[in-house]
Amino acid sequence: MVDSNTISITLVFSPAPREVVEKVLILPARSKVQDALASANLLKLTTDEHYILGIWGKKTTLSHVLNDSDRLELYRPLKVDPKVARRERFQKQGARTTGLFAKTRAGGKAGY
């Protein structure tokens, strides 16, 4: 805690794949999530891009009051369902090169 009238939080978000931005913000005590986003100039981003908000991995709202040492996270929406992506990768590489069928001994059947 910086002093009794301020709190320190960490704001983490990913504007693009494989890119993470982490900012430490000093805010007045009893600040809300909306105040933190406004001070980091990200309030417009959350309304336009439909980011999901979370504190330490738990979903939250703009009106949630922040505590000292909170980690405010912005989650981008998924473009592809992970199950669909895995299924497509498996179809591309084929059954013979993945999982149980990846390693075969010389002269042996697939999977043994």
N, C-alpha and C. Protein backbone atom coordinates (compact mmCIF):
# COMPACT_ATOMS: atom_id res chain seq x y z
N MET A 1 0.84 -1.17 0.00
CA MET A 1 0.00 0.00 0.00
C MET A 1 0.89 1.24 0.00
N VAL A 2 0.56 2.20 -0.85
CA VAL A 2 1.37 3.40 -0.95
C VAL A 2 1.15 4.29 0.27
N ASP A 3 -0.07 4.68 0.57
CA ASP A 3 -0.44 5.32 1.83
C ASP A 3 -1.92 5.04 2.06
N SER A 4 -2.48 5.59 3.12
CA SER A 4 -3.87 5.24 3.46
C SER A 4 -4.90 5.78 2.48
N ASN A 5 -4.51 6.74 1.66
CA ASN A 5 -5.46 7.34 0.72
C ASN A 5 -5.32 6.80 -0.70
N THR A 6 -4.37 5.93 -0.93
CA THR A 6 -4.16 5.40 -2.28
C THR A 6 -4.01 3.89 -2.25
N ILE A 7 -4.23 3.28 -3.40
CA ILE A 7 -4.00 1.84 -3.58
C ILE A 7 -3.15 1.64 -4.82
N SER A 8 -2.47 0.53 -4.86
CA SER A 8 -1.65 0.17 -6.01
C SER A 8 -2.23 -1.11 -6.61
N ILE A 9 -2.55 -1.07 -7.90
CA ILE A 9 -3.06 -2.26 -8.57
C ILE A 9 -2.22 -2.52 -9.82
N THR A 10 -2.30 -3.74 -10.32
CA THR A 10 -1.62 -4.11 -11.56
C THR A 10 -2.69 -4.35 -12.61
N LEU A 11 -2.55 -3.71 -13.75
CA LEU A 11 -3.48 -3.88 -14.87
C LEU A 11 -2.76 -4.68 -15.94
N VAL A 12 -3.36 -5.79 -16.36
CA VAL A 12 -2.74 -6.68 -17.35
C VAL A 12 -3.74 -6.92 -18.47
N PHE A 13 -3.26 -6.76 -19.71
CA PHE A 13 -4.10 -7.07 -20.86
C PHE A 13 -3.24 -7.45 -22.05
N SER A 14 -3.87 -8.06 -23.03
CA SER A 14 -3.17 -8.52 -24.22
C SER A 14 -3.85 -7.92 -25.45
N PRO A 15 -3.26 -6.87 -26.03
CA PRO A 15 -3.88 -6.25 -27.19
C PRO A 15 -3.83 -7.12 -28.45
N ALA A 16 -2.87 -8.02 -28.52
CA ALA A 16 -2.71 -8.90 -29.67
C ALA A 16 -2.14 -10.24 -29.20
N PRO A 17 -2.26 -11.28 -30.01
CA PRO A 17 -1.69 -12.57 -29.61
C PRO A 17 -0.20 -12.47 -29.31
N ARG A 18 0.23 -13.16 -28.28
CA ARG A 18 1.63 -13.22 -27.83
C ARG A 18 2.20 -11.85 -27.43
N GLU A 19 1.33 -10.93 -27.04
CA GLU A 19 1.75 -9.61 -26.60
C GLU A 19 0.99 -9.29 -25.30
N VAL A 20 1.72 -9.03 -24.23
CA VAL A 20 1.10 -8.76 -22.93
C VAL A 20 1.61 -7.42 -22.41
N VAL A 21 0.68 -6.59 -21.96
CA VAL A 21 1.02 -5.29 -21.39
C VAL A 21 0.65 -5.33 -19.91
N GLU A 22 1.57 -4.91 -19.07
CA GLU A 22 1.34 -4.89 -17.63
C GLU A 22 1.68 -3.50 -17.11
N LYS A 23 0.71 -2.87 -16.44
CA LYS A 23 0.91 -1.52 -15.90
C LYS A 23 0.58 -1.53 -14.42
N VAL A 24 1.37 -0.81 -13.64
CA VAL A 24 1.08 -0.62 -12.22
C VAL A 24 0.44 0.76 -12.10
N LEU A 25 -0.75 0.80 -11.49
CA LEU A 25 -1.49 2.05 -11.34
C LEU A 25 -1.61 2.40 -9.86
N ILE A 26 -1.42 3.68 -9.56
CA ILE A 26 -1.65 4.20 -8.22
C ILE A 26 -2.96 4.98 -8.29
N LEU A 27 -3.95 4.54 -7.53
CA LEU A 27 -5.29 5.13 -7.59
C LEU A 27 -5.74 5.56 -6.20
N PRO A 28 -6.72 6.47 -6.14
CA PRO A 28 -7.29 6.81 -4.82
C PRO A 28 -7.97 5.59 -4.20
N ALA A 29 -7.99 5.53 -2.90
CA ALA A 29 -8.68 4.44 -2.20
C ALA A 29 -10.15 4.43 -2.61
N ARG A 30 -10.76 3.25 -2.60
CA ARG A 30 -12.16 3.04 -2.96
C ARG A 30 -12.42 3.30 -4.45
N SER A 31 -11.39 3.20 -5.29
CA SER A 31 -11.58 3.34 -6.74
C SER A 31 -12.26 2.10 -7.29
N LYS A 32 -12.98 2.30 -8.38
CA LYS A 32 -13.68 1.19 -9.02
C LYS A 32 -12.89 0.76 -10.26
N VAL A 33 -13.28 -0.37 -10.82
CA VAL A 33 -12.64 -0.88 -12.03
C VAL A 33 -12.73 0.16 -13.14
N GLN A 34 -13.86 0.80 -13.25
CA GLN A 34 -14.06 1.82 -14.27
C GLN A 34 -13.05 2.96 -14.12
N ASP A 35 -12.75 3.36 -12.88
CA ASP A 35 -11.76 4.41 -12.63
C ASP A 35 -10.36 3.98 -13.07
N ALA A 36 -10.03 2.73 -12.80
CA ALA A 36 -8.71 2.22 -13.19
C ALA A 36 -8.56 2.21 -14.71
N LEU A 37 -9.59 1.77 -15.41
CA LEU A 37 -9.53 1.75 -16.87
C LEU A 37 -9.47 3.15 -17.45
N ALA A 38 -10.18 4.08 -16.84
CA ALA A 38 -10.15 5.47 -17.29
C ALA A 38 -8.77 6.07 -17.10
N SER A 39 -8.12 5.78 -15.97
CA SER A 39 -6.79 6.33 -15.72
C SER A 39 -5.74 5.73 -16.66
N ALA A 40 -5.98 4.52 -17.16
CA ALA A 40 -5.05 3.88 -18.09
C ALA A 40 -5.46 4.11 -19.55
N ASN A 41 -6.50 4.93 -19.76
CA ASN A 41 -7.01 5.22 -21.10
C ASN A 41 -7.48 3.97 -21.82
N LEU A 42 -8.08 3.04 -21.11
CA LEU A 42 -8.56 1.78 -21.70
C LEU A 42 -10.07 1.62 -21.58
N LEU A 43 -10.76 2.61 -21.06
CA LEU A 43 -12.20 2.48 -20.88
C LEU A 43 -12.91 2.30 -22.22
N LYS A 44 -12.48 3.02 -23.24
CA LYS A 44 -13.09 2.89 -24.57
C LYS A 44 -12.83 1.50 -25.15
N LEU A 45 -11.65 0.97 -24.88
CA LEU A 45 -11.29 -0.36 -25.38
C LEU A 45 -12.24 -1.44 -24.87
N THR A 46 -12.62 -1.37 -23.61
CA THR A 46 -13.48 -2.41 -23.04
C THR A 46 -14.90 -2.33 -23.59
N THR A 47 -15.38 -1.15 -23.94
CA THR A 47 -16.74 -1.05 -24.47
C THR A 47 -16.78 -1.39 -25.95
N ASP A 48 -15.75 -1.03 -26.70
CA ASP A 48 -15.74 -1.30 -28.14
C ASP A 48 -15.39 -2.74 -28.47
N GLU A 49 -14.41 -3.29 -27.79
CA GLU A 49 -13.88 -4.60 -28.14
C GLU A 49 -14.56 -5.75 -27.40
N HIS A 50 -15.40 -5.46 -26.45
CA HIS A 50 -16.11 -6.48 -25.66
C HIS A 50 -15.14 -7.35 -24.87
N TYR A 51 -14.15 -6.72 -24.27
CA TYR A 51 -13.24 -7.44 -23.37
C TYR A 51 -14.01 -7.89 -22.15
N ILE A 52 -13.59 -8.97 -21.54
CA ILE A 52 -14.15 -9.44 -20.29
C ILE A 52 -13.19 -9.00 -19.19
N LEU A 53 -13.73 -8.56 -18.08
CA LEU A 53 -12.91 -8.06 -16.98
C LEU A 53 -12.80 -9.11 -15.89
N GLY A 54 -11.63 -9.18 -15.25
CA GLY A 54 -11.44 -10.12 -14.16
C GLY A 54 -10.44 -9.58 -13.15
N ILE A 55 -10.57 -10.02 -11.92
CA ILE A 55 -9.60 -9.71 -10.87
C ILE A 55 -9.08 -11.03 -10.36
N TRP A 56 -7.79 -11.24 -10.54
CA TRP A 56 -7.14 -12.49 -10.17
C TRP A 56 -7.87 -13.69 -10.76
N GLY A 57 -8.29 -13.59 -12.02
CA GLY A 57 -8.90 -14.71 -12.72
C GLY A 57 -10.38 -14.91 -12.48
N LYS A 58 -11.01 -14.06 -11.69
CA LYS A 58 -12.44 -14.16 -11.42
C LYS A 58 -13.16 -12.99 -12.07
N LYS A 59 -14.23 -13.29 -12.79
CA LYS A 59 -14.98 -12.29 -13.53
C LYS A 59 -15.49 -11.18 -12.61
N THR A 60 -15.45 -9.93 -13.11
CA THR A 60 -15.89 -8.78 -12.34
C THR A 60 -16.61 -7.78 -13.24
N THR A 61 -17.08 -6.69 -12.65
CA THR A 61 -17.81 -5.66 -13.39
C THR A 61 -17.10 -4.32 -13.26
N LEU A 62 -17.56 -3.34 -14.04
CA LEU A 62 -16.97 -2.00 -13.99
C LEU A 62 -17.20 -1.31 -12.65
N SER A 63 -18.25 -1.70 -11.93
CA SER A 63 -18.58 -1.03 -10.68
C SER A 63 -17.94 -1.67 -9.43
N HIS A 64 -17.12 -2.70 -9.63
CA HIS A 64 -16.46 -3.37 -8.50
C HIS A 64 -15.42 -2.44 -7.87
N VAL A 65 -15.40 -2.37 -6.55
CA VAL A 65 -14.43 -1.55 -5.82
C VAL A 65 -13.13 -2.33 -5.68
N LEU A 66 -12.03 -1.70 -6.05
CA LEU A 66 -10.72 -2.36 -6.04
C LEU A 66 -10.07 -2.29 -4.66
N ASN A 67 -9.28 -3.30 -4.37
CA ASN A 67 -8.49 -3.34 -3.14
C ASN A 67 -7.02 -3.15 -3.49
N ASP A 68 -6.22 -2.85 -2.49
CA ASP A 68 -4.79 -2.72 -2.70
C ASP A 68 -4.20 -4.06 -3.17
N SER A 69 -3.28 -4.03 -4.10
CA SER A 69 -2.58 -5.19 -4.66
C SER A 69 -3.46 -6.07 -5.54
N ASP A 70 -4.62 -5.58 -5.99
CA ASP A 70 -5.44 -6.35 -6.92
C ASP A 70 -4.75 -6.42 -8.28
N ARG A 71 -5.06 -7.49 -9.01
CA ARG A 71 -4.56 -7.66 -10.38
C ARG A 71 -5.78 -7.63 -11.28
N LEU A 72 -5.96 -6.51 -11.98
CA LEU A 72 -7.09 -6.33 -12.89
C LEU A 72 -6.68 -6.85 -14.25
N GLU A 73 -7.48 -7.77 -14.80
CA GLU A 73 -7.14 -8.41 -16.07
C GLU A 73 -8.23 -8.15 -17.10
N LEU A 74 -7.81 -7.91 -18.33
CA LEU A 74 -8.74 -7.75 -19.46
C LEU A 74 -8.54 -8.95 -20.38
N TYR A 75 -9.62 -9.67 -20.66
CA TYR A 75 -9.53 -10.87 -21.48
C TYR A 75 -10.14 -10.60 -22.85
N ARG A 76 -9.37 -10.86 -23.91
CA ARG A 76 -9.89 -10.74 -25.27
C ARG A 76 -10.84 -11.90 -25.56
N PRO A 77 -11.86 -11.66 -26.37
CA PRO A 77 -12.73 -12.78 -26.74
C PRO A 77 -11.98 -13.77 -27.63
N LEU A 78 -12.32 -15.04 -27.52
CA LEU A 78 -11.69 -16.06 -28.36
C LEU A 78 -12.20 -15.94 -29.79
N LYS A 79 -11.30 -16.09 -30.75
CA LYS A 79 -11.71 -16.05 -32.16
C LYS A 79 -12.13 -17.43 -32.64
N VAL A 80 -11.54 -18.45 -32.04
CA VAL A 80 -11.83 -19.83 -32.41
C VAL A 80 -12.01 -20.64 -31.14
N ASP A 81 -13.01 -21.50 -31.14
CA ASP A 81 -13.22 -22.40 -30.01
C ASP A 81 -12.02 -23.35 -29.92
N PRO A 82 -11.40 -23.51 -28.74
CA PRO A 82 -10.22 -24.37 -28.61
C PRO A 82 -10.47 -25.81 -29.07
N LYS A 83 -11.67 -26.32 -28.83
CA LYS A 83 -11.97 -27.69 -29.27
C LYS A 83 -11.97 -27.79 -30.79
N VAL A 84 -12.52 -26.79 -31.45
CA VAL A 84 -12.55 -26.78 -32.92
C VAL A 84 -11.12 -26.66 -33.46
N ALA A 85 -10.31 -25.79 -32.87
CA ALA A 85 -8.93 -25.61 -33.32
C ALA A 85 -8.14 -26.91 -33.19
N ARG A 86 -8.32 -27.61 -32.07
CA ARG A 86 -7.60 -28.89 -31.87
C ARG A 86 -8.05 -29.91 -32.91
N ARG A 87 -9.34 -29.98 -33.16
CA ARG A 87 -9.87 -30.92 -34.14
C ARG A 87 -9.30 -30.63 -35.54
N GLU A 88 -9.22 -29.35 -35.90
CA GLU A 88 -8.68 -28.98 -37.22
C GLU A 88 -7.19 -29.30 -37.32
N ARG A 89 -6.44 -29.05 -36.23
CA ARG A 89 -5.01 -29.40 -36.24
C ARG A 89 -4.82 -30.90 -36.42
N PHE A 90 -5.62 -31.68 -35.73
CA PHE A 90 -5.54 -33.14 -35.81
C PHE A 90 -5.84 -33.60 -37.24
N GLN A 91 -6.83 -33.01 -37.88
CA GLN A 91 -7.18 -33.39 -39.25
C GLN A 91 -6.07 -33.04 -40.22
N LYS A 92 -5.39 -31.90 -39.99
CA LYS A 92 -4.29 -31.48 -40.87
C LYS A 92 -3.11 -32.43 -40.79
N GLN A 93 -2.70 -32.78 -39.57
CA GLN A 93 -1.51 -33.61 -39.42
C GLN A 93 -1.81 -35.09 -39.61
N GLY A 94 -3.06 -35.48 -39.48
CA GLY A 94 -3.41 -36.87 -39.72
C GLY A 94 -3.22 -37.74 -38.50
N ALA A 95 -3.93 -38.84 -38.47
CA ALA A 95 -3.91 -39.75 -37.32
C ALA A 95 -2.58 -40.46 -37.16
N ARG A 96 -1.85 -40.65 -38.22
CA ARG A 96 -0.59 -41.42 -38.14
C ARG A 96 0.55 -40.67 -37.46
N THR A 97 0.44 -39.35 -37.33
CA THR A 97 1.56 -38.60 -36.76
C THR A 97 1.28 -38.03 -35.38
N THR A 98 0.16 -38.42 -34.77
CA THR A 98 -0.17 -37.86 -33.46
C THR A 98 -0.48 -38.93 -32.44
N GLY A 99 -0.32 -38.56 -31.19
CA GLY A 99 -0.72 -39.40 -30.07
C GLY A 99 -0.15 -40.79 -30.08
N LEU A 100 -1.00 -41.77 -29.93
CA LEU A 100 -0.62 -43.18 -29.84
C LEU A 100 0.07 -43.66 -31.11
N PHE A 101 -0.24 -43.03 -32.24
CA PHE A 101 0.29 -43.49 -33.52
C PHE A 101 1.57 -42.76 -33.94
N ALA A 102 2.09 -41.88 -33.13
CA ALA A 102 3.25 -41.09 -33.50
C ALA A 102 4.52 -41.94 -33.60
N LYS A 103 4.71 -42.88 -32.67
CA LYS A 103 5.94 -43.67 -32.65
C LYS A 103 5.61 -45.12 -32.98
N THR A 104 6.26 -45.65 -33.97
CA THR A 104 6.10 -47.07 -34.29
C THR A 104 7.47 -47.69 -34.34
N ARG A 105 7.54 -48.93 -34.00
CA ARG A 105 8.82 -49.61 -34.11
C ARG A 105 8.94 -50.17 -35.52
N ALA A 106 10.11 -50.37 -35.95
CA ALA A 106 10.36 -50.87 -37.32
C ALA A 106 9.63 -52.19 -37.52
N GLY A 107 8.80 -52.25 -38.56
CA GLY A 107 8.08 -53.47 -38.88
C GLY A 107 6.83 -53.70 -38.05
N GLY A 108 6.55 -52.79 -37.10
CA GLY A 108 5.38 -52.96 -36.24
C GLY A 108 4.15 -52.27 -36.81
N LYS A 109 3.00 -52.66 -36.28
CA LYS A 109 1.76 -52.03 -36.69
C LYS A 109 1.63 -50.68 -36.00
N ALA A 110 0.81 -49.79 -36.58
CA ALA A 110 0.58 -48.49 -35.99
C ALA A 110 -0.06 -48.67 -34.62
N GLY A 111 0.43 -47.93 -33.63
CA GLY A 111 -0.13 -48.00 -32.29
C GLY A 111 0.53 -49.02 -31.40
N TYR A 112 1.53 -49.76 -31.90
CA TYR A 112 2.19 -50.77 -31.09
C TYR A 112 3.67 -50.53 -31.01
